[in-house]
Amino acid sequence: MRERYPFTFADRQATTRREPLKAGDYGLLVEGLLQATVERKSLADLVTSLTTGTLKFQLTELAAVPRAAVVVEERYSQVFKLDRVRPSVVADGIAECQIRFPTVPIVFCETHKLAQEWTYRFLAAARVGLAEEVVGDLALRGLEAAPPLAPARPTPAAVRRWAKRADVVVSDRGRIPGAVMEQYLEARARGEV
């Protein structure tokens, strides 16, 4: 983190340490792998990164992480009060980013404190979700493969076609005799049907 006023989670059930992340400003590391991350932005930083094109590079990096988001320390309504850049350019840019990177939400939080709270809860939910996935994967690995399904019961028409080719006498109508059905099933088992 290279932030002037970083989020602090001292009052939370979290162990934190400062180190560079491959994407985002705050992350959830599990066994050395970045499993979730949050990129923190002020509105001014969002506008600058959006208009210079760096936001798309950041979103590309964020999208490579299983769970990622951008949190903006401002209300969305403030986008429409910008005076150094046209508000519609910024609003359109945000919408385009959400379409191009649908797995990375851009969340507007009203204040620094709310953005910090949202970030903590996002990373905590990611931790729980990851634990649930691990348990689910272990449960799936423990399941035995289902036995192969028995072949479908043959239709009378299929048996009659086979009987005709195999020179087995069977009537054109009515029920297929059990002996003929057995012969058909044996031929099918040998791969002759």
Protein backbone atom coordinates (compact mmCIF):
# COMPACT_ATOMS: atom_id res chain seq x y z
CA MET A 1 0.00 0.00 0.00
CA ARG A 2 1.30 3.40 -0.93
CA GLU A 3 -1.62 5.30 0.56
CA ARG A 4 -1.40 8.41 2.64
CA TYR A 5 -4.31 7.43 4.92
CA PRO A 6 -4.65 3.66 4.63
CA PHE A 7 -7.61 1.75 5.94
CA THR A 8 -7.07 0.30 9.39
CA PHE A 9 -8.79 -2.82 10.58
CA ALA A 10 -7.45 -2.67 14.14
CA ASP A 11 -10.91 -3.00 15.68
CA ARG A 12 -11.73 -6.04 13.49
CA GLN A 13 -10.99 -9.73 13.57
CA ALA A 14 -8.31 -9.46 10.93
CA THR A 15 -4.59 -9.99 10.76
CA THR A 16 -3.00 -7.39 8.53
CA ARG A 17 0.42 -6.79 7.08
CA ARG A 18 1.83 -4.37 4.55
CA GLU A 19 3.18 -5.81 1.35
CA PRO A 20 2.77 -5.13 -2.36
CA LEU A 21 -0.09 -6.92 -4.11
CA LYS A 22 -0.18 -7.89 -7.77
CA ALA A 23 -3.56 -6.13 -8.01
CA GLY A 24 -5.51 -3.80 -5.75
CA ASP A 25 -4.71 -2.02 -2.51
CA TYR A 26 -6.19 -4.45 0.04
CA GLY A 27 -6.28 -8.17 -0.36
CA LEU A 28 -6.95 -11.57 1.09
CA LEU A 29 -3.89 -13.80 0.86
CA VAL A 30 -4.36 -17.52 1.44
CA GLU A 31 -1.22 -19.62 1.39
CA GLY A 32 0.57 -16.86 -0.46
CA LEU A 33 -2.08 -16.56 -3.19
CA LEU A 34 -4.19 -13.45 -3.69
CA GLN A 35 -7.77 -14.71 -3.48
CA ALA A 36 -9.61 -11.38 -3.19
CA THR A 37 -8.64 -7.76 -3.59
CA VAL A 38 -10.07 -4.25 -3.41
CA GLU A 39 -8.74 -1.23 -5.29
CA ARG A 40 -9.47 1.93 -3.30
CA LYS A 41 -10.06 5.23 -5.06
CA SER A 42 -11.08 8.76 -4.28
CA LEU A 43 -13.35 10.35 -6.88
CA ALA A 44 -10.44 12.45 -8.17
CA ASP A 45 -8.29 9.31 -8.54
CA LEU A 46 -11.14 7.49 -10.30
CA VAL A 47 -11.60 10.36 -12.76
CA THR A 48 -7.86 10.61 -13.47
CA SER A 49 -7.38 6.86 -13.96
CA LEU A 50 -10.53 6.70 -16.09
CA THR A 51 -9.61 9.58 -18.38
CA THR A 52 -5.96 8.53 -18.78
CA GLY A 53 -6.87 4.89 -19.50
CA THR A 54 -5.01 3.45 -16.51
CA LEU A 55 -8.25 2.24 -14.94
CA LYS A 56 -8.72 -0.32 -17.72
CA PHE A 57 -5.24 -1.71 -17.01
CA GLN A 58 -6.04 -1.89 -13.31
CA LEU A 59 -9.37 -3.59 -14.01
CA THR A 60 -7.60 -6.14 -16.22
CA GLU A 61 -5.29 -7.00 -13.31
CA LEU A 62 -8.20 -7.08 -10.86
CA ALA A 63 -10.23 -9.35 -13.13
CA ALA A 64 -7.43 -11.93 -12.95
CA VAL A 65 -8.07 -12.32 -9.19
CA PRO A 66 -10.95 -14.67 -8.25
CA ARG A 67 -12.80 -11.94 -6.31
CA ALA A 68 -12.12 -8.25 -6.87
CA ALA A 69 -13.78 -4.86 -6.61
CA VAL A 70 -13.12 -1.14 -6.79
CA VAL A 71 -14.37 0.98 -3.90
CA VAL A 72 -14.78 4.73 -4.40
CA GLU A 73 -14.85 7.04 -1.39
CA GLU A 74 -17.64 9.24 -2.67
CA ARG A 75 -21.28 9.25 -3.70
CA TYR A 76 -22.06 8.42 -7.31
CA SER A 77 -24.08 11.64 -7.51
CA GLN A 78 -20.84 13.61 -7.16
CA VAL A 79 -19.80 12.40 -10.63
CA PHE A 80 -22.46 14.74 -12.04
CA LYS A 81 -21.06 17.73 -10.15
CA LEU A 82 -17.57 17.52 -11.67
CA ASP A 83 -16.37 20.78 -13.22
CA ARG A 84 -12.96 19.95 -14.77
CA VAL A 85 -14.23 17.10 -16.90
CA ARG A 86 -17.64 16.52 -18.43
CA PRO A 87 -19.69 14.40 -16.01
CA SER A 88 -21.19 12.38 -18.88
CA VAL A 89 -17.70 11.29 -19.98
CA VAL A 90 -16.98 9.94 -16.51
CA ALA A 91 -20.41 8.32 -16.10
CA ASP A 92 -20.14 6.69 -19.53
CA GLY A 93 -16.60 5.52 -18.74
CA ILE A 94 -17.73 3.91 -15.49
CA ALA A 95 -20.60 2.17 -17.27
CA GLU A 96 -18.26 0.93 -20.02
CA CYS A 97 -15.84 -0.45 -17.43
CA GLN A 98 -18.66 -2.34 -15.73
CA ILE A 99 -19.69 -3.87 -19.05
CA ARG A 100 -16.13 -4.79 -20.05
CA PHE A 101 -15.23 -6.11 -16.58
CA PRO A 102 -18.49 -7.49 -15.13
CA THR A 103 -16.69 -9.52 -12.43
CA VAL A 104 -15.17 -6.38 -10.89
CA PRO A 105 -17.87 -4.15 -9.42
CA ILE A 106 -17.24 -0.46 -8.86
CA VAL A 107 -18.88 0.40 -5.55
CA PHE A 108 -19.48 3.97 -4.42
CA CYS A 109 -19.33 4.47 -0.66
CA GLU A 110 -20.14 7.85 0.78
CA THR A 111 -17.16 8.31 3.10
CA HIS A 112 -13.70 6.97 3.91
CA LYS A 113 -15.16 5.16 6.93
CA LEU A 114 -17.93 3.49 4.90
CA ALA A 115 -15.46 2.50 2.18
CA GLN A 116 -13.27 0.92 4.85
CA GLU A 117 -16.27 -0.91 6.30
CA TRP A 118 -17.35 -2.15 2.87
CA THR A 119 -13.79 -3.34 2.08
CA TYR A 120 -13.55 -5.25 5.36
CA ARG A 121 -16.91 -6.96 4.76
CA PHE A 122 -16.06 -7.78 1.12
CA LEU A 123 -12.77 -9.43 2.09
CA ALA A 124 -14.42 -11.25 5.02
CA ALA A 125 -17.17 -12.57 2.74
CA ALA A 126 -14.51 -13.67 0.25
CA ARG A 127 -12.75 -15.59 3.04
CA VAL A 128 -15.98 -17.38 3.98
CA GLY A 129 -16.80 -18.08 0.33
CA LEU A 130 -13.35 -19.54 -0.24
CA ALA A 131 -13.71 -21.81 2.81
CA GLU A 132 -17.10 -23.01 1.52
CA GLU A 133 -15.61 -23.77 -1.89
CA VAL A 134 -12.82 -25.82 -0.29
CA VAL A 135 -15.32 -27.82 1.76
CA GLY A 136 -17.48 -28.33 -1.34
CA ASP A 137 -14.50 -29.47 -3.41
CA LEU A 138 -13.49 -31.96 -0.72
CA ALA A 139 -17.05 -33.29 -0.54
CA LEU A 140 -17.19 -33.71 -4.31
CA ARG A 141 -13.87 -35.55 -4.36
CA GLY A 142 -15.22 -37.95 -1.76
CA LEU A 143 -18.18 -38.94 -3.90
CA GLU A 144 -17.97 -42.12 -5.89
CA ALA A 145 -18.70 -42.03 -9.57
CA ALA A 146 -22.16 -43.22 -10.46
CA PRO A 147 -22.31 -46.56 -12.23
CA PRO A 148 -23.04 -46.39 -15.93
CA LEU A 149 -26.68 -46.35 -16.85
CA ALA A 150 -28.15 -49.50 -18.29
CA PRO A 151 -28.95 -49.18 -21.97
CA ALA A 152 -32.45 -48.03 -22.74
CA ARG A 153 -35.04 -50.70 -23.35
CA PRO A 154 -35.19 -51.31 -27.10
CA THR A 155 -38.26 -50.27 -29.03
CA PRO A 156 -40.27 -52.97 -30.81
CA ALA A 157 -39.38 -51.31 -34.13
CA ALA A 158 -35.64 -51.60 -33.38
CA VAL A 159 -36.01 -55.29 -32.46
CA ARG A 160 -37.99 -55.98 -35.63
CA ARG A 161 -35.36 -54.28 -37.80
CA TRP A 162 -32.61 -56.34 -36.15
CA ALA A 163 -34.67 -59.54 -36.46
CA LYS A 164 -35.16 -58.95 -40.16
CA ARG A 165 -31.39 -58.48 -40.71
CA ALA A 166 -30.55 -61.47 -38.48
CA ASP A 167 -33.12 -63.77 -40.15
CA VAL A 168 -35.05 -64.18 -36.90
CA VAL A 169 -38.76 -64.68 -37.43
CA VAL A 170 -40.98 -62.15 -35.65
CA SER A 171 -44.45 -60.81 -36.49
CA ASP A 172 -44.91 -57.31 -37.90
CA ARG A 173 -47.34 -56.43 -35.12
CA GLY A 174 -48.01 -57.18 -31.51
CA ARG A 175 -45.75 -58.07 -28.66
CA ILE A 176 -42.14 -59.20 -29.23
CA PRO A 177 -41.67 -62.73 -27.83
CA GLY A 178 -39.33 -62.97 -24.82
CA ALA A 179 -36.95 -65.35 -26.63
CA VAL A 180 -36.53 -62.87 -29.51
CA MET A 181 -35.98 -60.01 -27.05
CA GLU A 182 -33.25 -62.06 -25.30
CA GLN A 183 -31.54 -62.78 -28.62
CA TYR A 184 -31.64 -59.06 -29.45
CA LEU A 185 -30.17 -58.08 -26.03
CA GLU A 186 -27.38 -60.66 -26.38
CA ALA A 187 -26.56 -59.35 -29.87
CA ARG A 188 -26.53 -55.80 -28.55
CA ALA A 189 -24.19 -56.83 -25.71
CA ARG A 190 -21.79 -58.32 -28.27
CA GLY A 191 -21.97 -55.09 -30.26
CA GLU A 192 -23.73 -56.64 -33.20
CA VAL A 193 -26.65 -54.23 -33.16
